[in-house]
Amino acid sequence: MSAHYEEIIDGETLLRAPPSAMHELLVQRLHALAAAALPLNSRLRLLPARTEIELTARLTLCPDLVIVRQGPGVPAGLYLVAEVLQPGDHHLDTVIKKQIYHDLPMPRCWMVDPRYLNVEIYGIGPYGFTLTSILAHGDQLTDPHLPGLTCTMHELFAGA
């Protein structure tokens, strides 16, 4: 199990509880899937789990998974974040952070919920940052910029 970590929201430091073993297993699976799916010449880069991302002087988050854009001719910045929900942190991750990602706006966001064995996919649509799909059961997790990414919800949540 990991240690406590801190995030800063609206200038307030929040001490986050150590993630559970199941949480860490899901984070490891997501990282393995994303790493394997990134094309060799991709301008996307996967950061280590819970890398501190300072968005402003008053806002630092540590998402479970972060993929950034980089390289010449590419606007630098966040491409995708994933948050694996944990009991007791539901409001922070599903309400507060979703609002933060909406305000950025974040191109892609996955909210992984082991309680319901589903993944909510958010992205930029014609009306801004919106819920584009909810994946469950045998649905496939895919992403247009991660062409090798293929994982059913059964595979992702095996053992949960």
C-alpha atoms as a PDB file:
ATOM      1  CA  MET A   1       0.000   0.000   0.000  1.00  0.00           C
ATOM      2  CA  SER A   2       1.199   3.503  -0.801  1.00  0.00           C
ATOM      3  CA  ALA A   3       1.701   6.361   1.637  1.00  0.00           C
ATOM      4  CA  HIS A   4      -0.365   9.480   2.255  1.00  0.00           C
ATOM      5  CA  TYR A   5       0.040  12.209  -0.347  1.00  0.00           C
ATOM      6  CA  GLU A   6      -1.033  15.839  -0.645  1.00  0.00           C
ATOM      7  CA  GLU A   7      -3.043  17.810  -3.156  1.00  0.00           C
ATOM      8  CA  ILE A   8      -3.740  21.546  -3.113  1.00  0.00           C
ATOM      9  CA  ILE A   9      -7.187  22.802  -4.092  1.00  0.00           C
ATOM     10  CA  ASP A  10      -8.055  26.499  -3.844  1.00  0.00           C
ATOM     11  CA  GLY A  11      -4.846  27.005  -1.863  1.00  0.00           C
ATOM     12  CA  GLU A  12      -5.871  24.466   0.786  1.00  0.00           C
ATOM     13  CA  THR A  13      -3.612  21.460   1.308  1.00  0.00           C
ATOM     14  CA  LEU A  14      -5.539  18.204   1.483  1.00  0.00           C
ATOM     15  CA  LEU A  15      -3.902  15.119   2.967  1.00  0.00           C
ATOM     16  CA  ARG A  16      -5.085  12.144   0.926  1.00  0.00           C
ATOM     17  CA  ALA A  17      -5.373   8.704   2.508  1.00  0.00           C
ATOM     18  CA  PRO A  18      -3.072   5.910   1.371  1.00  0.00           C
ATOM     19  CA  PRO A  19      -4.710   4.065  -1.533  1.00  0.00           C
ATOM     20  CA  SER A  20      -6.032   0.556  -0.907  1.00  0.00           C
ATOM     21  CA  ALA A  21      -4.470  -2.536  -2.449  1.00  0.00           C
ATOM     22  CA  MET A  22      -7.347  -2.808  -4.965  1.00  0.00           C
ATOM     23  CA  HIS A  23      -6.917   0.859  -5.891  1.00  0.00           C
ATOM     24  CA  GLU A  24      -3.220   0.305  -6.551  1.00  0.00           C
ATOM     25  CA  LEU A  25      -3.921  -2.830  -8.603  1.00  0.00           C
ATOM     26  CA  LEU A  26      -6.280  -0.849 -10.845  1.00  0.00           C
ATOM     27  CA  VAL A  27      -3.749   1.982 -11.169  1.00  0.00           C
ATOM     28  CA  GLN A  28      -1.049  -0.527 -12.178  1.00  0.00           C
ATOM     29  CA  ARG A  29      -3.373  -2.111 -14.765  1.00  0.00           C
ATOM     30  CA  LEU A  30      -4.265   1.275 -16.250  1.00  0.00           C
ATOM     31  CA  HIS A  31      -0.601   2.261 -16.462  1.00  0.00           C
ATOM     32  CA  ALA A  32       0.345  -1.026 -18.119  1.00  0.00           C
ATOM     33  CA  LEU A  33      -2.488  -0.650 -20.651  1.00  0.00           C
ATOM     34  CA  ALA A  34      -1.609   2.975 -21.444  1.00  0.00           C
ATOM     35  CA  ALA A  35       2.130   2.271 -21.716  1.00  0.00           C
ATOM     36  CA  ALA A  36       1.535  -0.635 -24.095  1.00  0.00           C
ATOM     37  CA  ALA A  37      -0.901   1.423 -26.210  1.00  0.00           C
ATOM     38  CA  LEU A  38       1.294   4.492 -26.774  1.00  0.00           C
ATOM     39  CA  PRO A  39       2.756   4.398 -30.292  1.00  0.00           C
ATOM     40  CA  LEU A  40       6.560   4.589 -30.447  1.00  0.00           C
ATOM     41  CA  ASN A  41       6.537   7.953 -32.233  1.00  0.00           C
ATOM     42  CA  SER A  42       3.726   9.383 -30.116  1.00  0.00           C
ATOM     43  CA  ARG A  43       3.757  12.938 -28.860  1.00  0.00           C
ATOM     44  CA  LEU A  44       1.950  11.672 -25.789  1.00  0.00           C
ATOM     45  CA  ARG A  45       3.883  10.693 -22.671  1.00  0.00           C
ATOM     46  CA  LEU A  46       2.692   8.679 -19.692  1.00  0.00           C
ATOM     47  CA  LEU A  47       3.785  10.099 -16.324  1.00  0.00           C
ATOM     48  CA  PRO A  48       4.312   8.009 -13.170  1.00  0.00           C
ATOM     49  CA  ALA A  49       1.272   7.412 -10.981  1.00  0.00           C
ATOM     50  CA  ARG A  50       0.293  10.375  -8.820  1.00  0.00           C
ATOM     51  CA  THR A  51       2.802  12.755 -10.400  1.00  0.00           C
ATOM     52  CA  GLU A  52       2.206  16.214  -8.941  1.00  0.00           C
ATOM     53  CA  ILE A  53       0.665  18.415 -11.603  1.00  0.00           C
ATOM     54  CA  GLU A  54       0.784  22.100 -10.640  1.00  0.00           C
ATOM     55  CA  LEU A  55      -2.012  23.714 -12.600  1.00  0.00           C
ATOM     56  CA  THR A  56      -1.857  27.059 -10.780  1.00  0.00           C
ATOM     57  CA  ALA A  57      -0.184  28.386  -7.633  1.00  0.00           C
ATOM     58  CA  ARG A  58      -3.335  27.365  -5.742  1.00  0.00           C
ATOM     59  CA  LEU A  59      -4.025  24.053  -7.502  1.00  0.00           C
ATOM     60  CA  THR A  60      -1.830  20.946  -7.485  1.00  0.00           C
ATOM     61  CA  LEU A  61      -3.331  17.547  -8.233  1.00  0.00           C
ATOM     62  CA  CYS A  62      -1.887  14.027  -8.212  1.00  0.00           C
ATOM     63  CA  PRO A  63      -4.042  12.008 -10.628  1.00  0.00           C
ATOM     64  CA  ASP A  64      -3.679   8.242 -10.665  1.00  0.00           C
ATOM     65  CA  LEU A  65      -2.837   8.344 -14.372  1.00  0.00           C
ATOM     66  CA  VAL A  66      -1.671  11.311 -16.460  1.00  0.00           C
ATOM     67  CA  ILE A  67      -0.827  11.465 -20.144  1.00  0.00           C
ATOM     68  CA  VAL A  68       0.627  14.736 -21.433  1.00  0.00           C
ATOM     69  CA  ARG A  69       1.154  16.097 -24.941  1.00  0.00           C
ATOM     70  CA  GLN A  70       4.621  17.262 -25.890  1.00  0.00           C
ATOM     71  CA  GLY A  71       6.810  17.877 -28.896  1.00  0.00           C
ATOM     72  CA  PRO A  72       7.249  20.383 -31.697  1.00  0.00           C
ATOM     73  CA  GLY A  73       4.055  21.593 -33.299  1.00  0.00           C
ATOM     74  CA  VAL A  74       1.913  20.168 -30.503  1.00  0.00           C
ATOM     75  CA  PRO A  75       0.281  22.362 -27.885  1.00  0.00           C
ATOM     76  CA  ALA A  76       1.813  21.171 -24.625  1.00  0.00           C
ATOM     77  CA  GLY A  77      -0.484  20.165 -21.845  1.00  0.00           C
ATOM     78  CA  LEU A  78      -2.591  17.476 -20.321  1.00  0.00           C
ATOM     79  CA  TYR A  79      -4.269  15.018 -22.659  1.00  0.00           C
ATOM     80  CA  LEU A  80      -5.811  12.488 -20.296  1.00  0.00           C
ATOM     81  CA  VAL A  81      -6.196  11.975 -16.578  1.00  0.00           C
ATOM     82  CA  ALA A  82      -7.704   9.000 -14.791  1.00  0.00           C
ATOM     83  CA  GLU A  83      -8.895   8.914 -11.226  1.00  0.00           C
ATOM     84  CA  VAL A  84      -9.542   5.590  -9.510  1.00  0.00           C
ATOM     85  CA  LEU A  85     -12.225   6.263  -6.935  1.00  0.00           C
ATOM     86  CA  GLN A  86     -11.763   5.177  -3.372  1.00  0.00           C
ATOM     87  CA  PRO A  87     -14.296   5.016  -0.530  1.00  0.00           C
ATOM     88  CA  GLY A  88     -14.253   8.224   1.484  1.00  0.00           C
ATOM     89  CA  ASP A  89     -12.859  10.298  -1.404  1.00  0.00           C
ATOM     90  CA  HIS A  90     -15.884  10.055  -3.661  1.00  0.00           C
ATOM     91  CA  HIS A  91     -16.947  13.721  -3.387  1.00  0.00           C
ATOM     92  CA  LEU A  92     -13.444  15.081  -3.958  1.00  0.00           C
ATOM     93  CA  ASP A  93     -12.799  12.959  -7.043  1.00  0.00           C
ATOM     94  CA  THR A  94     -16.242  12.887  -8.648  1.00  0.00           C
ATOM     95  CA  VAL A  95     -17.493  16.392  -7.899  1.00  0.00           C
ATOM     96  CA  ILE A  96     -14.593  18.742  -7.193  1.00  0.00           C
ATOM     97  CA  LYS A  97     -12.015  17.271  -9.574  1.00  0.00           C
ATOM     98  CA  LYS A  98     -14.546  16.814 -12.384  1.00  0.00           C
ATOM     99  CA  GLN A  99     -15.330  20.518 -12.068  1.00  0.00           C
ATOM    100  CA  ILE A 100     -11.605  21.349 -12.179  1.00  0.00           C
ATOM    101  CA  TYR A 101     -11.134  19.198 -15.296  1.00  0.00           C
ATOM    102  CA  HIS A 102     -14.206  20.829 -16.844  1.00  0.00           C
ATOM    103  CA  ASP A 103     -12.787  24.293 -16.193  1.00  0.00           C
ATOM    104  CA  LEU A 104      -9.365  23.498 -17.728  1.00  0.00           C
ATOM    105  CA  PRO A 105     -10.886  22.017 -20.095  1.00  0.00           C
ATOM    106  CA  MET A 106      -9.397  18.531 -20.066  1.00  0.00           C
ATOM    107  CA  PRO A 107      -9.523  16.697 -23.417  1.00  0.00           C
ATOM    108  CA  ARG A 108     -10.083  13.260 -21.799  1.00  0.00           C
ATOM    109  CA  CYS A 109     -10.877  12.070 -18.286  1.00  0.00           C
ATOM    110  CA  TRP A 110     -11.609   8.577 -16.976  1.00  0.00           C
ATOM    111  CA  MET A 111     -13.347   8.101 -13.634  1.00  0.00           C
ATOM    112  CA  VAL A 112     -12.748   4.480 -12.647  1.00  0.00           C
ATOM    113  CA  ASP A 113     -15.239   3.245 -10.056  1.00  0.00           C
ATOM    114  CA  PRO A 114     -14.453  -0.155  -8.506  1.00  0.00           C
ATOM    115  CA  ARG A 115     -17.703  -0.075  -6.496  1.00  0.00           C
ATOM    116  CA  TYR A 116     -19.810  -0.322  -9.653  1.00  0.00           C
ATOM    117  CA  LEU A 117     -17.154  -1.903 -11.901  1.00  0.00           C
ATOM    118  CA  ASN A 118     -17.474   0.872 -14.459  1.00  0.00           C
ATOM    119  CA  VAL A 119     -15.520   3.692 -16.077  1.00  0.00           C
ATOM    120  CA  GLU A 120     -17.060   7.061 -16.876  1.00  0.00           C
ATOM    121  CA  ILE A 121     -15.442   8.665 -19.931  1.00  0.00           C
ATOM    122  CA  TYR A 122     -15.461  12.465 -20.168  1.00  0.00           C
ATOM    123  CA  GLY A 123     -14.260  14.515 -23.085  1.00  0.00           C
ATOM    124  CA  ILE A 124     -14.662  17.715 -25.023  1.00  0.00           C
ATOM    125  CA  GLY A 125     -17.834  17.707 -27.073  1.00  0.00           C
ATOM    126  CA  PRO A 126     -19.911  20.328 -28.840  1.00  0.00           C
ATOM    127  CA  TYR A 127     -21.110  21.621 -25.444  1.00  0.00           C
ATOM    128  CA  GLY A 128     -17.761  21.512 -23.642  1.00  0.00           C
ATOM    129  CA  PHE A 129     -16.540  18.921 -21.154  1.00  0.00           C
ATOM    130  CA  THR A 130     -19.209  16.232 -20.959  1.00  0.00           C
ATOM    131  CA  LEU A 131     -19.825  12.618 -20.057  1.00  0.00           C
ATOM    132  CA  THR A 132     -19.448  10.749 -23.345  1.00  0.00           C
ATOM    133  CA  SER A 133     -19.978   7.163 -22.140  1.00  0.00           C
ATOM    134  CA  ILE A 134     -20.173   4.822 -19.190  1.00  0.00           C
ATOM    135  CA  LEU A 135     -18.383   1.522 -19.720  1.00  0.00           C
ATOM    136  CA  ALA A 136     -19.397  -1.616 -17.840  1.00  0.00           C
ATOM    137  CA  HIS A 137     -19.491  -5.414 -18.177  1.00  0.00           C
ATOM    138  CA  GLY A 138     -17.892  -6.415 -21.499  1.00  0.00           C
ATOM    139  CA  ASP A 139     -17.551  -2.859 -22.866  1.00  0.00           C
ATOM    140  CA  GLN A 140     -14.130  -1.987 -24.302  1.00  0.00           C
ATOM    141  CA  LEU A 141     -11.973   0.837 -22.960  1.00  0.00           C
ATOM    142  CA  THR A 142     -10.468   2.566 -26.016  1.00  0.00           C
ATOM    143  CA  ASP A 143      -9.037   5.949 -26.923  1.00  0.00           C
ATOM    144  CA  PRO A 144      -8.466   7.512 -30.358  1.00  0.00           C
ATOM    145  CA  HIS A 145      -4.860   8.489 -29.541  1.00  0.00           C
ATOM    146  CA  LEU A 146      -3.979   5.167 -27.919  1.00  0.00           C
ATOM    147  CA  PRO A 147      -4.624   2.834 -30.846  1.00  0.00           C
ATOM    148  CA  GLY A 148      -3.367  -0.288 -29.064  1.00  0.00           C
ATOM    149  CA  LEU A 149      -5.588   0.215 -26.026  1.00  0.00           C
ATOM    150  CA  THR A 150      -8.108  -2.551 -25.687  1.00  0.00           C
ATOM    151  CA  CYS A 151      -9.440  -3.820 -22.407  1.00  0.00           C
ATOM    152  CA  THR A 152     -12.871  -4.960 -21.339  1.00  0.00           C
ATOM    153  CA  MET A 153     -14.306  -3.887 -18.039  1.00  0.00           C
ATOM    154  CA  HIS A 154     -14.241  -7.561 -16.989  1.00  0.00           C
ATOM    155  CA  GLU A 155     -10.451  -7.586 -17.572  1.00  0.00           C
ATOM    156  CA  LEU A 156      -9.849  -4.250 -15.886  1.00  0.00           C
ATOM    157  CA  PHE A 157     -11.822  -5.135 -12.754  1.00  0.00           C
ATOM    158  CA  ALA A 158     -10.835  -8.815 -12.498  1.00  0.00           C
ATOM    159  CA  GLY A 159     -10.514  -9.627  -8.811  1.00  0.00           C
ATOM    160  CA  ALA A 160     -12.255  -6.445  -7.662  1.00  0.00           C
END
